[in-house]
Amino acid sequence: MMSPESRPGRRPPLPKTDASRRETPRRVAVMSPRTAAARRPRYPATREIDEQTRLGEVYMRSFLRTQFRLALFVCTVLGCVVGGLPLLFLLIPQLRSVHLLGVPLPWAVLGGLIYPAFVIGAWLYVRQAERNERHFAELVERR
């Protein structure tokens, strides 16, 4: 059987002198065999959202706010492009007289070339919205 002084990880005892014995008592470190304190049960964030708790509402409100900002940005950009084209043709009258394949340029741009801008805007919106959803899912899983 090992003596307490020879256990691994223990410091050897200090030499005892008469003066040290009289001044202060020797301190003993008391350690618990448990390495971690008891933790309260952890609920996943998905459960918070499903049960519609206050924390779940905060998560969903944040996610919806992010998606709304994205939609507002895309609609604003497309609205400025669509609204800006007639303004451009009004301010630069020379563009009205240009013909593209026999069709006046304003009609060609507003009637046909604007749709690829809508498709590109929609594609970018979906791509960014899915990215927001991935970030939200990662946030919920980390918690």
C-alpha atoms as a PDB file:
ATOM      1  CA  MET A   1       0.000   0.000   0.000  1.00  0.00           C
ATOM      2  CA  MET A   2       1.258   3.474  -0.938  1.00  0.00           C
ATOM      3  CA  SER A   3       1.734   6.071   1.696  1.00  0.00           C
ATOM      4  CA  PRO A   4       0.055   9.469   1.104  1.00  0.00           C
ATOM      5  CA  GLU A   5       3.441  11.077   0.610  1.00  0.00           C
ATOM      6  CA  SER A   6       4.469   8.699  -2.194  1.00  0.00           C
ATOM      7  CA  ARG A   7       1.333   9.042  -4.326  1.00  0.00           C
ATOM      8  CA  PRO A   8       1.952  10.338  -7.872  1.00  0.00           C
ATOM      9  CA  GLY A   9       1.040  13.984  -8.367  1.00  0.00           C
ATOM     10  CA  ARG A  10       1.489  14.901  -4.705  1.00  0.00           C
ATOM     11  CA  ARG A  11       4.111  17.324  -3.493  1.00  0.00           C
ATOM     12  CA  PRO A  12       6.490  16.060  -0.881  1.00  0.00           C
ATOM     13  CA  PRO A  13       5.686  17.438   2.552  1.00  0.00           C
ATOM     14  CA  LEU A  14       7.562  20.487   3.710  1.00  0.00           C
ATOM     15  CA  PRO A  15      10.078  19.922   6.442  1.00  0.00           C
ATOM     16  CA  LYS A  16       8.469  20.573   9.771  1.00  0.00           C
ATOM     17  CA  THR A  17      10.107  23.019  12.070  1.00  0.00           C
ATOM     18  CA  ASP A  18       9.014  24.072  15.467  1.00  0.00           C
ATOM     19  CA  ALA A  19       8.293  27.631  14.297  1.00  0.00           C
ATOM     20  CA  SER A  20       6.084  26.585  11.367  1.00  0.00           C
ATOM     21  CA  ARG A  21       4.042  24.238  13.530  1.00  0.00           C
ATOM     22  CA  ARG A  22       3.206  26.947  15.981  1.00  0.00           C
ATOM     23  CA  GLU A  23       2.346  29.682  13.443  1.00  0.00           C
ATOM     24  CA  THR A  24      -0.154  28.193  10.997  1.00  0.00           C
ATOM     25  CA  PRO A  25      -1.899  24.870  10.661  1.00  0.00           C
ATOM     26  CA  ARG A  26      -1.198  22.885   7.492  1.00  0.00           C
ATOM     27  CA  ARG A  27      -3.744  23.341   4.701  1.00  0.00           C
ATOM     28  CA  VAL A  28      -5.359  20.359   3.045  1.00  0.00           C
ATOM     29  CA  ALA A  29      -6.913  20.504  -0.436  1.00  0.00           C
ATOM     30  CA  VAL A  30     -10.277  18.793  -0.541  1.00  0.00           C
ATOM     31  CA  MET A  31     -11.271  17.676  -4.018  1.00  0.00           C
ATOM     32  CA  SER A  32     -14.475  16.117  -5.262  1.00  0.00           C
ATOM     33  CA  PRO A  33     -14.295  12.921  -7.297  1.00  0.00           C
ATOM     34  CA  ARG A  34     -16.816  14.437  -9.725  1.00  0.00           C
ATOM     35  CA  THR A  35     -15.135  16.457 -12.438  1.00  0.00           C
ATOM     36  CA  ALA A  36     -18.153  18.419 -13.641  1.00  0.00           C
ATOM     37  CA  ALA A  37     -20.874  20.134 -11.716  1.00  0.00           C
ATOM     38  CA  ALA A  38     -24.458  19.107 -12.279  1.00  0.00           C
ATOM     39  CA  ARG A  39     -25.885  20.901 -15.280  1.00  0.00           C
ATOM     40  CA  ARG A  40     -29.454  21.746 -15.891  1.00  0.00           C
ATOM     41  CA  PRO A  41     -31.014  19.860 -18.795  1.00  0.00           C
ATOM     42  CA  ARG A  42     -30.303  21.545 -22.103  1.00  0.00           C
ATOM     43  CA  TYR A  43     -33.139  21.955 -24.548  1.00  0.00           C
ATOM     44  CA  PRO A  44     -32.267  22.174 -28.222  1.00  0.00           C
ATOM     45  CA  ALA A  45     -33.186  25.406 -29.973  1.00  0.00           C
ATOM     46  CA  THR A  46     -35.458  23.475 -32.315  1.00  0.00           C
ATOM     47  CA  ARG A  47     -37.536  22.485 -29.302  1.00  0.00           C
ATOM     48  CA  GLU A  48     -37.676  26.134 -28.231  1.00  0.00           C
ATOM     49  CA  ILE A  49     -38.967  27.045 -31.687  1.00  0.00           C
ATOM     50  CA  ASP A  50     -41.447  24.160 -31.844  1.00  0.00           C
ATOM     51  CA  GLU A  51     -42.871  24.931 -28.419  1.00  0.00           C
ATOM     52  CA  GLN A  52     -43.050  28.637 -29.306  1.00  0.00           C
ATOM     53  CA  THR A  53     -41.245  29.794 -26.192  1.00  0.00           C
ATOM     54  CA  ARG A  54     -39.945  33.330 -25.835  1.00  0.00           C
ATOM     55  CA  LEU A  55     -36.479  32.238 -26.928  1.00  0.00           C
ATOM     56  CA  GLY A  56     -37.943  30.412 -29.924  1.00  0.00           C
ATOM     57  CA  GLU A  57     -39.854  33.568 -30.860  1.00  0.00           C
ATOM     58  CA  VAL A  58     -36.608  35.559 -30.735  1.00  0.00           C
ATOM     59  CA  TYR A  59     -34.923  33.059 -33.046  1.00  0.00           C
ATOM     60  CA  MET A  60     -37.803  33.089 -35.530  1.00  0.00           C
ATOM     61  CA  ARG A  61     -38.209  36.866 -35.420  1.00  0.00           C
ATOM     62  CA  SER A  62     -34.510  37.280 -36.183  1.00  0.00           C
ATOM     63  CA  PHE A  63     -34.682  34.829 -39.085  1.00  0.00           C
ATOM     64  CA  LEU A  64     -37.825  36.402 -40.544  1.00  0.00           C
ATOM     65  CA  ARG A  65     -36.314  39.879 -40.208  1.00  0.00           C
ATOM     66  CA  THR A  66     -33.250  38.732 -42.151  1.00  0.00           C
ATOM     67  CA  GLN A  67     -35.398  37.218 -44.906  1.00  0.00           C
ATOM     68  CA  PHE A  68     -37.573  40.346 -45.049  1.00  0.00           C
ATOM     69  CA  ARG A  69     -34.533  42.615 -45.417  1.00  0.00           C
ATOM     70  CA  LEU A  70     -33.292  40.460 -48.276  1.00  0.00           C
ATOM     71  CA  ALA A  71     -36.665  40.550 -50.044  1.00  0.00           C
ATOM     72  CA  LEU A  72     -36.926  44.301 -49.551  1.00  0.00           C
ATOM     73  CA  PHE A  73     -33.430  44.805 -50.986  1.00  0.00           C
ATOM     74  CA  VAL A  74     -34.098  42.688 -54.090  1.00  0.00           C
ATOM     75  CA  CYS A  75     -37.467  44.376 -54.718  1.00  0.00           C
ATOM     76  CA  THR A  76     -35.894  47.819 -54.295  1.00  0.00           C
ATOM     77  CA  VAL A  77     -33.109  47.058 -56.771  1.00  0.00           C
ATOM     78  CA  LEU A  78     -35.497  45.638 -59.359  1.00  0.00           C
ATOM     79  CA  GLY A  79     -37.926  48.512 -58.786  1.00  0.00           C
ATOM     80  CA  CYS A  80     -35.150  51.037 -59.339  1.00  0.00           C
ATOM     81  CA  VAL A  81     -34.094  49.286 -62.542  1.00  0.00           C
ATOM     82  CA  VAL A  82     -37.646  49.050 -63.917  1.00  0.00           C
ATOM     83  CA  GLY A  83     -38.549  52.559 -62.771  1.00  0.00           C
ATOM     84  CA  GLY A  84     -35.218  53.995 -63.852  1.00  0.00           C
ATOM     85  CA  LEU A  85     -35.414  52.810 -67.461  1.00  0.00           C
ATOM     86  CA  PRO A  86     -38.350  55.053 -68.469  1.00  0.00           C
ATOM     87  CA  LEU A  87     -36.632  57.903 -66.636  1.00  0.00           C
ATOM     88  CA  LEU A  88     -33.440  57.188 -68.574  1.00  0.00           C
ATOM     89  CA  PHE A  89     -35.304  57.279 -71.889  1.00  0.00           C
ATOM     90  CA  LEU A  90     -37.015  60.498 -70.851  1.00  0.00           C
ATOM     91  CA  LEU A  91     -33.765  62.222 -69.892  1.00  0.00           C
ATOM     92  CA  ILE A  92     -31.788  61.021 -72.945  1.00  0.00           C
ATOM     93  CA  PRO A  93     -34.110  61.509 -75.950  1.00  0.00           C
ATOM     94  CA  GLN A  94     -31.507  60.163 -78.409  1.00  0.00           C
ATOM     95  CA  LEU A  95     -32.095  56.669 -77.022  1.00  0.00           C
ATOM     96  CA  ARG A  96     -35.735  56.836 -78.134  1.00  0.00           C
ATOM     97  CA  SER A  97     -34.708  57.054 -81.780  1.00  0.00           C
ATOM     98  CA  VAL A  98     -32.393  54.001 -81.644  1.00  0.00           C
ATOM     99  CA  HIS A  99     -33.853  50.804 -83.159  1.00  0.00           C
ATOM    100  CA  LEU A 100     -32.831  47.281 -82.173  1.00  0.00           C
ATOM    101  CA  LEU A 101     -33.794  44.706 -84.862  1.00  0.00           C
ATOM    102  CA  GLY A 102     -36.453  47.087 -86.163  1.00  0.00           C
ATOM    103  CA  VAL A 103     -37.968  47.684 -82.714  1.00  0.00           C
ATOM    104  CA  PRO A 104     -37.478  50.980 -80.861  1.00  0.00           C
ATOM    105  CA  LEU A 105     -34.932  50.539 -78.038  1.00  0.00           C
ATOM    106  CA  PRO A 106     -37.320  51.526 -75.203  1.00  0.00           C
ATOM    107  CA  TRP A 107     -39.822  48.862 -76.310  1.00  0.00           C
ATOM    108  CA  ALA A 108     -37.091  46.248 -76.739  1.00  0.00           C
ATOM    109  CA  VAL A 109     -35.628  46.925 -73.292  1.00  0.00           C
ATOM    110  CA  LEU A 110     -38.924  47.192 -71.407  1.00  0.00           C
ATOM    111  CA  GLY A 111     -40.660  44.435 -73.375  1.00  0.00           C
ATOM    112  CA  GLY A 112     -37.947  41.813 -73.598  1.00  0.00           C
ATOM    113  CA  LEU A 113     -34.630  42.598 -71.993  1.00  0.00           C
ATOM    114  CA  ILE A 114     -36.096  43.360 -68.583  1.00  0.00           C
ATOM    115  CA  TYR A 115     -37.153  39.733 -68.040  1.00  0.00           C
ATOM    116  CA  PRO A 116     -33.598  38.388 -67.811  1.00  0.00           C
ATOM    117  CA  ALA A 117     -33.021  40.986 -65.068  1.00  0.00           C
ATOM    118  CA  PHE A 118     -36.049  39.582 -63.202  1.00  0.00           C
ATOM    119  CA  VAL A 119     -34.764  36.016 -63.611  1.00  0.00           C
ATOM    120  CA  ILE A 120     -31.272  36.954 -62.393  1.00  0.00           C
ATOM    121  CA  GLY A 121     -32.761  38.879 -59.445  1.00  0.00           C
ATOM    122  CA  ALA A 122     -34.961  35.907 -58.533  1.00  0.00           C
ATOM    123  CA  TRP A 123     -32.023  33.500 -58.811  1.00  0.00           C
ATOM    124  CA  LEU A 124     -29.877  35.723 -56.557  1.00  0.00           C
ATOM    125  CA  TYR A 125     -32.732  36.064 -54.077  1.00  0.00           C
ATOM    126  CA  VAL A 126     -33.253  32.304 -53.819  1.00  0.00           C
ATOM    127  CA  ARG A 127     -29.531  31.701 -53.473  1.00  0.00           C
ATOM    128  CA  GLN A 128     -29.196  34.258 -50.667  1.00  0.00           C
ATOM    129  CA  ALA A 129     -32.395  33.082 -48.941  1.00  0.00           C
ATOM    130  CA  GLU A 130     -31.095  29.506 -48.888  1.00  0.00           C
ATOM    131  CA  ARG A 131     -27.803  30.765 -47.494  1.00  0.00           C
ATOM    132  CA  ASN A 132     -29.702  32.575 -44.726  1.00  0.00           C
ATOM    133  CA  GLU A 133     -31.582  29.349 -43.980  1.00  0.00           C
ATOM    134  CA  ARG A 134     -28.325  27.391 -43.756  1.00  0.00           C
ATOM    135  CA  HIS A 135     -26.850  29.958 -41.358  1.00  0.00           C
ATOM    136  CA  PHE A 136     -30.012  29.819 -39.248  1.00  0.00           C
ATOM    137  CA  ALA A 137     -29.931  26.017 -39.167  1.00  0.00           C
ATOM    138  CA  GLU A 138     -26.253  26.081 -38.112  1.00  0.00           C
ATOM    139  CA  LEU A 139     -27.067  28.594 -35.385  1.00  0.00           C
ATOM    140  CA  VAL A 140     -29.891  26.442 -34.074  1.00  0.00           C
ATOM    141  CA  GLU A 141     -27.763  23.279 -34.162  1.00  0.00           C
ATOM    142  CA  ARG A 142     -24.834  24.934 -32.318  1.00  0.00           C
ATOM    143  CA  ARG A 143     -26.978  25.978 -29.398  1.00  0.00           C
END
